[in-house]
């Protein structure tokens, strides 16, 4: 059974700003991220064919391994230039479109002061799979800011320097994702990965 959130997270805007700024500095690019998960038990999905190792075709420095966690979810291992990270990953089916909600595992750090200042966030990726090929794209932060500025969409969020942190509860996230799931300009150009094993 998938763990569903017991409450909606609502940290202060100042904490959000520091967390997102730190995330953008260490990431290769900024993403539309969310404080709350996209999934609930009713939309969570498990595809055993996703289990395995995938490599990006354009930049073979990135290696992604999906491991069956036996809880109906995955452990996602990301390796980049001999550095690795672990994520919890849940497939989500919304109106016949598949998404992956990834959430970094808590780092192994005994410094309580550091841990008190660390805010983990969800990243929502749209995925398509065809046998041994996987296409992955994320929401485009610039597109979302343009839509919000033009008052064409509204969702609780904090805009920060080209990046967006969604603060909406899960039900609102699902409604937003459903609305734009098939809007090509809402997403980045898909990255193509191929199965290696």
Protein backbone atom coordinates (compact mmCIF):
# COMPACT_ATOMS: atom_id res chain seq x y z
CA UNK A 1 0.00 0.00 0.00
CA UNK A 2 1.21 3.49 -0.87
CA UNK A 3 1.73 5.93 1.94
CA UNK A 4 -0.61 8.86 1.46
CA UNK A 5 -0.01 12.22 3.06
CA UNK A 6 -1.75 12.81 6.37
CA UNK A 7 -1.63 16.56 6.09
CA UNK A 8 -0.73 19.26 3.64
CA UNK A 9 2.67 20.87 4.14
CA UNK A 10 2.69 24.67 4.36
CA UNK A 11 6.14 26.00 5.29
CA UNK A 12 6.89 29.69 5.45
CA UNK A 13 7.71 31.48 2.16
CA UNK A 14 11.19 32.30 3.52
CA UNK A 15 11.97 28.60 4.12
CA UNK A 16 10.63 27.78 0.65
CA UNK A 17 12.87 30.41 -0.92
CA UNK A 18 16.01 29.04 0.75
CA UNK A 19 15.12 25.44 -0.08
CA UNK A 20 14.39 26.09 -3.74
CA UNK A 21 17.43 28.29 -4.21
CA UNK A 22 19.60 25.50 -2.82
CA UNK A 23 17.91 22.95 -5.07
CA UNK A 24 18.47 25.08 -8.17
CA UNK A 25 22.13 25.61 -7.35
CA UNK A 26 22.87 21.90 -7.17
CA UNK A 27 20.61 20.77 -9.99
CA UNK A 28 21.57 21.01 -13.65
CA UNK A 29 18.46 23.09 -14.20
CA UNK A 30 15.43 24.34 -12.29
CA UNK A 31 12.21 22.38 -12.23
CA UNK A 32 8.60 22.80 -11.30
CA UNK A 33 8.58 21.03 -7.96
CA UNK A 34 5.90 20.39 -5.35
CA UNK A 35 5.72 20.29 -1.58
CA UNK A 36 3.03 17.62 -1.66
CA UNK A 37 2.86 14.34 -3.57
CA UNK A 38 0.91 13.91 -6.80
CA UNK A 39 -0.20 10.41 -5.85
CA UNK A 40 -2.89 8.86 -3.69
CA UNK A 41 -3.81 5.17 -3.52
CA UNK A 42 -6.49 5.63 -6.17
CA UNK A 43 -4.13 6.87 -8.92
CA UNK A 44 -0.89 5.09 -7.97
CA UNK A 45 0.19 2.47 -10.49
CA UNK A 46 2.97 -0.11 -10.71
CA UNK A 47 4.57 -1.25 -13.98
CA UNK A 48 7.03 -4.14 -13.44
CA UNK A 49 8.50 -3.44 -16.91
CA UNK A 50 9.96 -0.17 -15.60
CA UNK A 51 12.27 -2.08 -13.24
CA UNK A 52 15.81 -2.09 -14.59
CA UNK A 53 18.60 0.28 -15.58
CA UNK A 54 18.13 3.09 -18.09
CA UNK A 55 20.74 5.39 -19.60
CA UNK A 56 20.25 8.75 -21.32
CA UNK A 57 21.06 8.54 -25.01
CA UNK A 58 22.56 12.01 -25.37
CA UNK A 59 24.62 12.09 -22.18
CA UNK A 60 25.72 8.68 -20.98
CA UNK A 61 26.94 10.14 -17.68
CA UNK A 62 23.41 9.71 -16.30
CA UNK A 63 22.25 6.24 -15.26
CA UNK A 64 18.86 5.57 -13.69
CA UNK A 65 17.94 2.29 -12.01
CA UNK A 66 14.40 1.46 -10.91
CA UNK A 67 14.23 -1.14 -8.15
CA UNK A 68 10.97 -2.77 -7.04
CA UNK A 69 10.52 -1.74 -3.41
CA UNK A 70 7.85 -4.47 -2.94
CA UNK A 71 5.46 -1.78 -1.66
CA UNK A 72 3.95 -0.98 -5.05
CA UNK A 73 6.54 1.76 -5.48
CA UNK A 74 10.12 1.98 -6.71
CA UNK A 75 13.47 3.00 -5.35
CA UNK A 76 15.11 5.15 -8.02
CA UNK A 77 18.91 5.21 -8.04
CA UNK A 78 20.47 8.05 -10.01
CA UNK A 79 24.15 7.90 -10.86
CA UNK A 80 25.96 10.86 -12.38
CA UNK A 81 29.73 10.96 -12.87
CA UNK A 82 30.40 8.52 -10.00
CA UNK A 83 28.01 10.35 -7.64
CA UNK A 84 24.73 8.70 -6.67
CA UNK A 85 21.40 9.63 -5.12
CA UNK A 86 18.32 7.66 -4.03
CA UNK A 87 14.69 8.61 -4.52
CA UNK A 88 11.31 7.16 -3.67
CA UNK A 89 9.34 6.94 -6.93
CA UNK A 90 5.63 6.36 -7.55
CA UNK A 91 3.94 5.95 -10.94
CA UNK A 92 0.71 7.91 -11.30
CA UNK A 93 -1.98 7.36 -13.95
CA UNK A 94 -4.16 10.40 -14.65
CA UNK A 95 -6.57 10.22 -17.60
CA UNK A 96 -4.40 7.66 -19.44
CA UNK A 97 -1.23 9.75 -19.07
CA UNK A 98 1.61 8.38 -16.91
CA UNK A 99 3.59 10.47 -14.48
CA UNK A 100 6.38 9.68 -12.07
CA UNK A 101 6.51 11.41 -8.69
CA UNK A 102 10.07 11.30 -7.39
CA UNK A 103 11.03 12.31 -3.87
CA UNK A 104 14.62 12.27 -2.54
CA UNK A 105 15.32 9.89 0.30
CA UNK A 106 16.40 11.52 3.52
CA UNK A 107 20.17 11.96 3.48
CA UNK A 108 22.31 10.04 5.93
CA UNK A 109 23.39 12.96 8.07
CA UNK A 110 23.49 13.08 11.86
CA UNK A 111 23.71 16.88 12.06
CA UNK A 112 20.27 17.78 13.41
CA UNK A 113 20.75 21.50 12.71
CA UNK A 114 21.41 20.73 9.04
CA UNK A 115 18.47 18.31 8.83
CA UNK A 116 16.14 20.94 10.37
CA UNK A 117 16.95 23.21 7.40
CA UNK A 118 16.55 20.66 4.66
CA UNK A 119 13.29 20.61 2.70
CA UNK A 120 12.78 17.66 0.36
CA UNK A 121 10.36 18.26 -2.51
CA UNK A 122 8.53 16.20 -5.13
CA UNK A 123 9.36 16.37 -8.83
CA UNK A 124 6.58 15.44 -11.25
CA UNK A 125 7.75 13.89 -14.51
CA UNK A 126 5.64 12.84 -17.49
CA UNK A 127 6.82 9.51 -18.90
CA UNK A 128 6.12 7.30 -21.90
CA UNK A 129 7.59 3.84 -22.38
CA UNK A 130 7.84 1.69 -25.48
CA UNK A 131 9.50 -1.65 -24.66
CA UNK A 132 13.15 -0.62 -24.05
CA UNK A 133 12.81 3.13 -24.64
CA UNK A 134 11.66 5.67 -22.06
CA UNK A 135 10.82 9.33 -22.70
CA UNK A 136 10.86 11.66 -19.69
CA UNK A 137 9.85 15.31 -19.50
CA UNK A 138 9.07 17.69 -16.68
CA UNK A 139 6.82 20.71 -16.36
CA UNK A 140 8.36 23.80 -17.95
CA UNK A 141 8.87 26.48 -15.28
CA UNK A 142 8.92 29.32 -17.83
CA UNK A 143 5.64 28.14 -19.39
CA UNK A 144 4.00 27.96 -15.96
CA UNK A 145 5.17 31.45 -14.96
CA UNK A 146 3.84 32.83 -18.27
CA UNK A 147 0.47 31.13 -17.72
CA UNK A 148 0.22 32.45 -14.16
CA UNK A 149 1.27 35.98 -15.17
CA UNK A 150 -1.39 35.99 -17.91
CA UNK A 151 -3.94 34.70 -15.38
CA UNK A 152 -4.63 31.68 -17.60
CA UNK A 153 -4.11 29.29 -14.71
CA UNK A 154 -3.98 29.50 -10.97
CA UNK A 155 -2.37 27.07 -8.56
CA UNK A 156 -0.86 27.76 -5.16
CA UNK A 157 2.87 28.27 -5.73
CA UNK A 158 5.96 30.32 -5.01
CA UNK A 159 7.77 31.67 -8.10
CA UNK A 160 11.51 32.02 -7.67
CA UNK A 161 13.85 33.27 -10.37
CA UNK A 162 12.71 31.03 -13.24
CA UNK A 163 11.74 28.13 -10.97
CA UNK A 164 8.40 27.30 -9.41
CA UNK A 165 7.56 25.50 -6.17
CA UNK A 166 3.95 24.32 -6.10
CA UNK A 167 2.45 24.58 -2.61
CA UNK A 168 -1.00 23.25 -3.52
CA UNK A 169 -2.46 20.20 -1.77
CA UNK A 170 -2.50 16.85 -3.59
CA UNK A 171 -6.08 17.16 -4.88
CA UNK A 172 -5.31 20.54 -6.50
CA UNK A 173 -2.06 19.18 -7.96
CA UNK A 174 -3.94 16.30 -9.57
CA UNK A 175 -6.51 18.68 -11.07
CA UNK A 176 -3.75 20.90 -12.45
CA UNK A 177 -1.78 17.99 -13.92
CA UNK A 178 -4.93 16.48 -15.47
CA UNK A 179 -5.77 19.81 -17.11
CA UNK A 180 -2.37 20.20 -18.78
CA UNK A 181 -1.27 16.55 -19.17
CA UNK A 182 -1.73 16.64 -22.95
CA UNK A 183 -0.49 20.19 -23.53
CA UNK A 184 2.90 19.81 -25.27
CA UNK A 185 4.16 23.32 -24.44
CA UNK A 186 3.58 22.68 -20.72
CA UNK A 187 6.51 20.25 -20.70
CA UNK A 188 10.19 20.28 -21.52
CA UNK A 189 11.54 18.48 -24.56
CA UNK A 190 11.50 14.76 -23.63
CA UNK A 191 14.78 13.11 -22.72
CA UNK A 192 15.15 9.70 -24.31
CA UNK A 193 16.54 6.82 -22.26
CA UNK A 194 17.27 3.26 -23.33
CA UNK A 195 17.24 0.15 -21.20
CA UNK A 196 20.68 -1.30 -20.52
CA UNK A 197 19.57 -4.27 -18.41
